[in-house]
Amino acid sequence: MTRYLVAVHHPDDYDPAAMEDESMHRDIDVLNEEMIAAGIRLFVGGLNPVADARSLKAGPSGAVDVTEGPYLKTGEHVGGFWVLEASDMDEALAWGRKAAFACRAPIEVRPFH
């Protein structure tokens, strides 16, 4: 079995209070219960808004600079994720499809090394 990251992408201005409703929360809860019942969910986590991020970068002198905000300036960020253990990419993609519906957001599925 291979482990997969199933990442939920949000725009930088994503506001859960304004953009999430009871129906969405219910769909995510149902998906989590289904993943647990299938025995494939290893870990799940939602992340604070990207404004709460801090980025660290080592400089040539060995000092590490810390800046506020995300490292990548893309307009989108990972807002949450699952780590799943699936038999293959097709199975992981099937769970990703369910996540895209439940979260009403783009999903990225990537295998771990």
N, C-alpha and C. Protein backbone atom coordinates (compact mmCIF):
# COMPACT_ATOMS: atom_id res chain seq x y z
N MET A 1 0.84 -1.18 0.00
CA MET A 1 0.00 0.00 0.00
C MET A 1 0.88 1.25 0.00
N THR A 2 0.48 2.22 -0.77
CA THR A 2 1.20 3.48 -0.89
C THR A 2 0.43 4.56 -0.14
N ARG A 3 1.15 5.49 0.42
CA ARG A 3 0.53 6.64 1.08
C ARG A 3 0.39 7.78 0.09
N TYR A 4 -0.74 8.48 0.19
CA TYR A 4 -1.06 9.58 -0.71
C TYR A 4 -1.47 10.81 0.09
N LEU A 5 -1.05 11.96 -0.40
CA LEU A 5 -1.53 13.24 0.12
C LEU A 5 -2.71 13.65 -0.74
N VAL A 6 -3.82 13.95 -0.11
CA VAL A 6 -4.99 14.48 -0.78
C VAL A 6 -5.17 15.89 -0.23
N ALA A 7 -4.74 16.89 -1.00
CA ALA A 7 -4.69 18.27 -0.53
C ALA A 7 -5.85 19.09 -1.10
N VAL A 8 -6.45 19.89 -0.23
CA VAL A 8 -7.55 20.78 -0.60
C VAL A 8 -6.96 22.17 -0.84
N HIS A 9 -7.25 22.77 -1.99
CA HIS A 9 -6.71 24.09 -2.32
C HIS A 9 -7.78 25.17 -2.18
N HIS A 10 -7.39 26.27 -1.53
CA HIS A 10 -8.27 27.42 -1.33
C HIS A 10 -7.61 28.68 -1.86
N PRO A 11 -8.41 29.67 -2.26
CA PRO A 11 -7.82 30.98 -2.59
C PRO A 11 -7.29 31.62 -1.31
N ASP A 12 -6.32 32.50 -1.44
CA ASP A 12 -5.72 33.14 -0.27
C ASP A 12 -6.74 33.88 0.59
N ASP A 13 -7.81 34.38 0.00
CA ASP A 13 -8.80 35.12 0.77
C ASP A 13 -9.94 34.23 1.29
N TYR A 14 -9.71 32.92 1.33
CA TYR A 14 -10.74 31.98 1.77
C TYR A 14 -11.15 32.27 3.21
N ASP A 15 -12.45 32.40 3.41
CA ASP A 15 -13.01 32.67 4.73
C ASP A 15 -13.99 31.54 5.06
N PRO A 16 -13.57 30.59 5.91
CA PRO A 16 -14.45 29.46 6.21
C PRO A 16 -15.83 29.89 6.71
N ALA A 17 -15.89 30.93 7.53
CA ALA A 17 -17.17 31.38 8.09
C ALA A 17 -18.14 31.81 6.99
N ALA A 18 -17.61 32.40 5.94
CA ALA A 18 -18.46 32.90 4.85
C ALA A 18 -18.67 31.87 3.75
N MET A 19 -17.76 30.91 3.61
CA MET A 19 -17.80 30.03 2.45
C MET A 19 -18.21 28.59 2.75
N GLU A 20 -18.32 28.25 4.02
CA GLU A 20 -18.70 26.88 4.39
C GLU A 20 -20.06 26.91 5.06
N ASP A 21 -20.88 25.91 4.74
CA ASP A 21 -22.20 25.82 5.35
C ASP A 21 -22.40 24.44 5.97
N GLU A 22 -23.56 24.23 6.58
CA GLU A 22 -23.86 22.95 7.25
C GLU A 22 -23.77 21.78 6.28
N SER A 23 -24.24 21.99 5.08
CA SER A 23 -24.23 20.92 4.07
C SER A 23 -22.79 20.48 3.76
N MET A 24 -21.91 21.44 3.60
CA MET A 24 -20.50 21.13 3.32
C MET A 24 -19.88 20.40 4.51
N HIS A 25 -20.12 20.87 5.71
CA HIS A 25 -19.56 20.21 6.90
C HIS A 25 -20.07 18.78 7.01
N ARG A 26 -21.35 18.58 6.72
CA ARG A 26 -21.93 17.25 6.76
C ARG A 26 -21.27 16.34 5.72
N ASP A 27 -21.08 16.86 4.50
CA ASP A 27 -20.45 16.05 3.45
C ASP A 27 -19.02 15.66 3.82
N ILE A 28 -18.29 16.57 4.44
CA ILE A 28 -16.91 16.26 4.87
C ILE A 28 -16.93 15.24 6.00
N ASP A 29 -17.86 15.39 6.94
CA ASP A 29 -17.98 14.41 8.03
C ASP A 29 -18.29 13.02 7.49
N VAL A 30 -19.21 12.95 6.54
CA VAL A 30 -19.57 11.66 5.94
C VAL A 30 -18.36 11.06 5.23
N LEU A 31 -17.62 11.88 4.50
CA LEU A 31 -16.42 11.39 3.81
C LEU A 31 -15.40 10.87 4.82
N ASN A 32 -15.17 11.61 5.90
CA ASN A 32 -14.23 11.14 6.92
C ASN A 32 -14.68 9.81 7.52
N GLU A 33 -15.96 9.67 7.80
CA GLU A 33 -16.47 8.41 8.34
C GLU A 33 -16.28 7.27 7.36
N GLU A 34 -16.49 7.55 6.08
CA GLU A 34 -16.31 6.53 5.04
C GLU A 34 -14.84 6.12 4.94
N MET A 35 -13.93 7.09 5.01
CA MET A 35 -12.50 6.78 4.97
C MET A 35 -12.08 5.94 6.17
N ILE A 36 -12.59 6.28 7.35
CA ILE A 36 -12.26 5.51 8.55
C ILE A 36 -12.78 4.08 8.41
N ALA A 37 -14.03 3.94 7.95
CA ALA A 37 -14.63 2.61 7.79
C ALA A 37 -13.85 1.77 6.78
N ALA A 38 -13.30 2.42 5.75
CA ALA A 38 -12.51 1.71 4.74
C ALA A 38 -11.09 1.40 5.22
N GLY A 39 -10.70 2.01 6.34
CA GLY A 39 -9.37 1.77 6.89
C GLY A 39 -8.23 2.41 6.11
N ILE A 40 -8.53 3.47 5.36
CA ILE A 40 -7.49 4.09 4.52
C ILE A 40 -6.99 5.42 5.06
N ARG A 41 -7.73 6.02 5.99
CA ARG A 41 -7.35 7.34 6.50
C ARG A 41 -6.31 7.22 7.61
N LEU A 42 -5.14 7.82 7.37
CA LEU A 42 -4.07 7.83 8.37
C LEU A 42 -4.05 9.10 9.18
N PHE A 43 -4.35 10.22 8.53
CA PHE A 43 -4.31 11.52 9.19
C PHE A 43 -5.12 12.51 8.38
N VAL A 44 -5.72 13.47 9.07
CA VAL A 44 -6.46 14.53 8.41
C VAL A 44 -6.21 15.83 9.17
N GLY A 45 -6.16 16.94 8.47
CA GLY A 45 -5.98 18.21 9.15
C GLY A 45 -6.44 19.37 8.31
N GLY A 46 -7.05 20.33 8.97
CA GLY A 46 -7.38 21.60 8.35
C GLY A 46 -6.37 22.64 8.81
N LEU A 47 -6.04 23.57 7.97
CA LEU A 47 -5.03 24.57 8.28
C LEU A 47 -5.65 25.95 8.48
N ASN A 48 -5.03 26.74 9.32
CA ASN A 48 -5.44 28.13 9.51
C ASN A 48 -5.25 28.89 8.20
N PRO A 49 -5.85 30.09 8.09
CA PRO A 49 -5.67 30.89 6.88
C PRO A 49 -4.19 31.13 6.58
N VAL A 50 -3.90 31.34 5.31
CA VAL A 50 -2.52 31.50 4.86
C VAL A 50 -1.85 32.73 5.50
N ALA A 51 -2.63 33.69 5.93
CA ALA A 51 -2.06 34.86 6.61
C ALA A 51 -1.35 34.48 7.91
N ASP A 52 -1.70 33.34 8.48
CA ASP A 52 -1.06 32.87 9.72
C ASP A 52 0.25 32.13 9.46
N ALA A 53 0.59 31.90 8.20
CA ALA A 53 1.81 31.15 7.87
C ALA A 53 3.06 31.97 8.14
N ARG A 54 4.13 31.29 8.42
CA ARG A 54 5.47 31.88 8.52
C ARG A 54 6.38 31.05 7.64
N SER A 55 7.24 31.70 6.89
CA SER A 55 8.15 31.02 5.97
C SER A 55 9.58 31.19 6.46
N LEU A 56 10.33 30.12 6.39
CA LEU A 56 11.71 30.13 6.84
C LEU A 56 12.62 29.77 5.68
N LYS A 57 13.74 30.49 5.58
CA LYS A 57 14.68 30.23 4.51
C LYS A 57 16.09 30.44 5.05
N ALA A 58 16.93 29.43 4.85
CA ALA A 58 18.32 29.52 5.29
C ALA A 58 19.11 30.36 4.31
N GLY A 59 19.88 31.31 4.85
CA GLY A 59 20.72 32.16 4.01
C GLY A 59 22.12 31.58 3.90
N PRO A 60 22.97 32.18 3.05
CA PRO A 60 24.31 31.66 2.84
C PRO A 60 25.19 31.72 4.09
N SER A 61 24.87 32.62 5.02
CA SER A 61 25.68 32.74 6.24
C SER A 61 25.28 31.71 7.29
N GLY A 62 24.21 30.97 7.02
CA GLY A 62 23.73 29.99 7.99
C GLY A 62 22.58 30.50 8.82
N ALA A 63 22.29 31.79 8.74
CA ALA A 63 21.15 32.35 9.46
C ALA A 63 19.86 31.95 8.75
N VAL A 64 18.80 31.82 9.51
CA VAL A 64 17.50 31.49 8.95
C VAL A 64 16.60 32.71 9.07
N ASP A 65 16.11 33.18 7.93
CA ASP A 65 15.20 34.32 7.91
C ASP A 65 13.77 33.82 8.03
N VAL A 66 12.97 34.50 8.84
CA VAL A 66 11.57 34.18 9.01
C VAL A 66 10.75 35.36 8.51
N THR A 67 9.82 35.08 7.60
CA THR A 67 8.95 36.12 7.08
C THR A 67 7.49 35.72 7.29
N GLU A 68 6.63 36.70 7.39
CA GLU A 68 5.21 36.43 7.55
C GLU A 68 4.61 36.07 6.21
N GLY A 69 3.68 35.13 6.24
CA GLY A 69 2.96 34.73 5.03
C GLY A 69 3.53 33.47 4.41
N PRO A 70 2.90 33.04 3.33
CA PRO A 70 3.32 31.81 2.68
C PRO A 70 4.63 31.98 1.91
N TYR A 71 5.34 30.90 1.72
CA TYR A 71 6.58 30.93 0.94
C TYR A 71 6.26 31.20 -0.53
N LEU A 72 5.32 30.45 -1.08
CA LEU A 72 4.93 30.64 -2.47
C LEU A 72 3.83 31.69 -2.57
N LYS A 73 4.00 32.65 -3.43
CA LYS A 73 3.03 33.72 -3.65
C LYS A 73 2.21 33.38 -4.89
N THR A 74 1.20 32.52 -4.70
CA THR A 74 0.46 32.02 -5.85
C THR A 74 -1.00 32.46 -5.91
N GLY A 75 -1.53 32.98 -4.80
CA GLY A 75 -2.95 33.33 -4.77
C GLY A 75 -3.81 32.19 -4.26
N GLU A 76 -3.23 30.99 -4.15
CA GLU A 76 -3.93 29.82 -3.61
C GLU A 76 -3.00 29.13 -2.63
N HIS A 77 -3.57 28.32 -1.76
CA HIS A 77 -2.78 27.61 -0.77
C HIS A 77 -3.48 26.32 -0.37
N VAL A 78 -2.77 25.47 0.33
CA VAL A 78 -3.36 24.25 0.87
C VAL A 78 -4.13 24.64 2.12
N GLY A 79 -5.42 24.35 2.12
CA GLY A 79 -6.26 24.70 3.25
C GLY A 79 -6.52 23.53 4.19
N GLY A 80 -6.25 22.34 3.72
CA GLY A 80 -6.44 21.13 4.51
C GLY A 80 -5.97 19.94 3.71
N PHE A 81 -5.91 18.79 4.37
CA PHE A 81 -5.40 17.61 3.67
C PHE A 81 -5.75 16.33 4.42
N TRP A 82 -5.68 15.24 3.68
CA TRP A 82 -5.74 13.90 4.24
C TRP A 82 -4.46 13.19 3.84
N VAL A 83 -4.02 12.28 4.67
CA VAL A 83 -2.99 11.31 4.30
C VAL A 83 -3.70 9.96 4.30
N LEU A 84 -3.72 9.34 3.14
CA LEU A 84 -4.42 8.07 2.95
C LEU A 84 -3.44 6.97 2.60
N GLU A 85 -3.82 5.75 2.87
CA GLU A 85 -3.06 4.59 2.43
C GLU A 85 -3.97 3.83 1.47
N ALA A 86 -3.60 3.84 0.19
CA ALA A 86 -4.43 3.24 -0.85
C ALA A 86 -3.62 2.23 -1.64
N SER A 87 -4.31 1.34 -2.32
CA SER A 87 -3.64 0.29 -3.07
C SER A 87 -2.92 0.83 -4.31
N ASP A 88 -3.46 1.90 -4.90
CA ASP A 88 -2.83 2.47 -6.09
C ASP A 88 -3.40 3.88 -6.34
N MET A 89 -2.88 4.54 -7.35
CA MET A 89 -3.30 5.90 -7.68
C MET A 89 -4.78 5.95 -8.04
N ASP A 90 -5.29 4.94 -8.71
CA ASP A 90 -6.71 4.95 -9.08
C ASP A 90 -7.60 4.99 -7.84
N GLU A 91 -7.26 4.21 -6.82
CA GLU A 91 -8.03 4.24 -5.59
C GLU A 91 -7.91 5.60 -4.90
N ALA A 92 -6.69 6.16 -4.86
CA ALA A 92 -6.48 7.47 -4.26
C ALA A 92 -7.27 8.54 -5.01
N LEU A 93 -7.32 8.46 -6.33
CA LEU A 93 -8.09 9.41 -7.13
C LEU A 93 -9.58 9.29 -6.87
N ALA A 94 -10.06 8.08 -6.63
CA ALA A 94 -11.48 7.90 -6.31
C ALA A 94 -11.82 8.63 -5.02
N TRP A 95 -10.93 8.55 -4.03
CA TRP A 95 -11.14 9.30 -2.78
C TRP A 95 -10.99 10.80 -3.04
N GLY A 96 -10.07 11.19 -3.90
CA GLY A 96 -9.91 12.59 -4.24
C GLY A 96 -11.15 13.18 -4.89
N ARG A 97 -11.81 12.38 -5.73
CA ARG A 97 -13.05 12.84 -6.36
C ARG A 97 -14.11 13.13 -5.29
N LYS A 98 -14.20 12.23 -4.32
CA LYS A 98 -15.17 12.43 -3.23
C LYS A 98 -14.80 13.68 -2.42
N ALA A 99 -13.51 13.90 -2.22
CA ALA A 99 -13.06 15.09 -1.48
C ALA A 99 -13.40 16.37 -2.24
N ALA A 100 -13.24 16.35 -3.56
CA ALA A 100 -13.56 17.54 -4.37
C ALA A 100 -15.03 17.90 -4.23
N PHE A 101 -15.88 16.89 -4.20
CA PHE A 101 -17.31 17.14 -4.02
C PHE A 101 -17.59 17.65 -2.61
N ALA A 102 -17.07 16.96 -1.61
CA ALA A 102 -17.36 17.31 -0.22
C ALA A 102 -16.85 18.71 0.14
N CYS A 103 -15.64 19.04 -0.32
CA CYS A 103 -15.00 20.31 0.04
C CYS A 103 -15.35 21.45 -0.90
N ARG A 104 -15.95 21.09 -2.06
CA ARG A 104 -16.30 22.11 -3.06
C ARG A 104 -15.08 22.96 -3.42
N ALA A 105 -13.96 22.24 -3.63
CA ALA A 105 -12.68 22.91 -3.89
C ALA A 105 -11.80 22.01 -4.75
N PRO A 106 -10.80 22.58 -5.41
CA PRO A 106 -9.85 21.76 -6.16
C PRO A 106 -9.05 20.87 -5.19
N ILE A 107 -8.74 19.68 -5.66
CA ILE A 107 -8.02 18.68 -4.88
C ILE A 107 -6.80 18.23 -5.67
N GLU A 108 -5.69 18.05 -4.97
CA GLU A 108 -4.46 17.50 -5.55
C GLU A 108 -4.16 16.19 -4.85
N VAL A 109 -3.88 15.14 -5.62
CA VAL A 109 -3.53 13.83 -5.08
C VAL A 109 -2.08 13.52 -5.49
N ARG A 110 -1.22 13.24 -4.49
CA ARG A 110 0.18 12.95 -4.78
C ARG A 110 0.68 11.80 -3.90
N PRO A 111 1.41 10.87 -4.51
CA PRO A 111 1.97 9.80 -3.70
C PRO A 111 3.20 10.27 -2.93
N PHE A 112 3.41 9.66 -1.76
CA PHE A 112 4.64 9.87 -1.02
C PHE A 112 5.71 8.99 -1.63
N HIS A 113 6.99 9.33 -1.40
CA HIS A 113 8.10 8.49 -1.86
C HIS A 113 8.03 7.15 -1.20
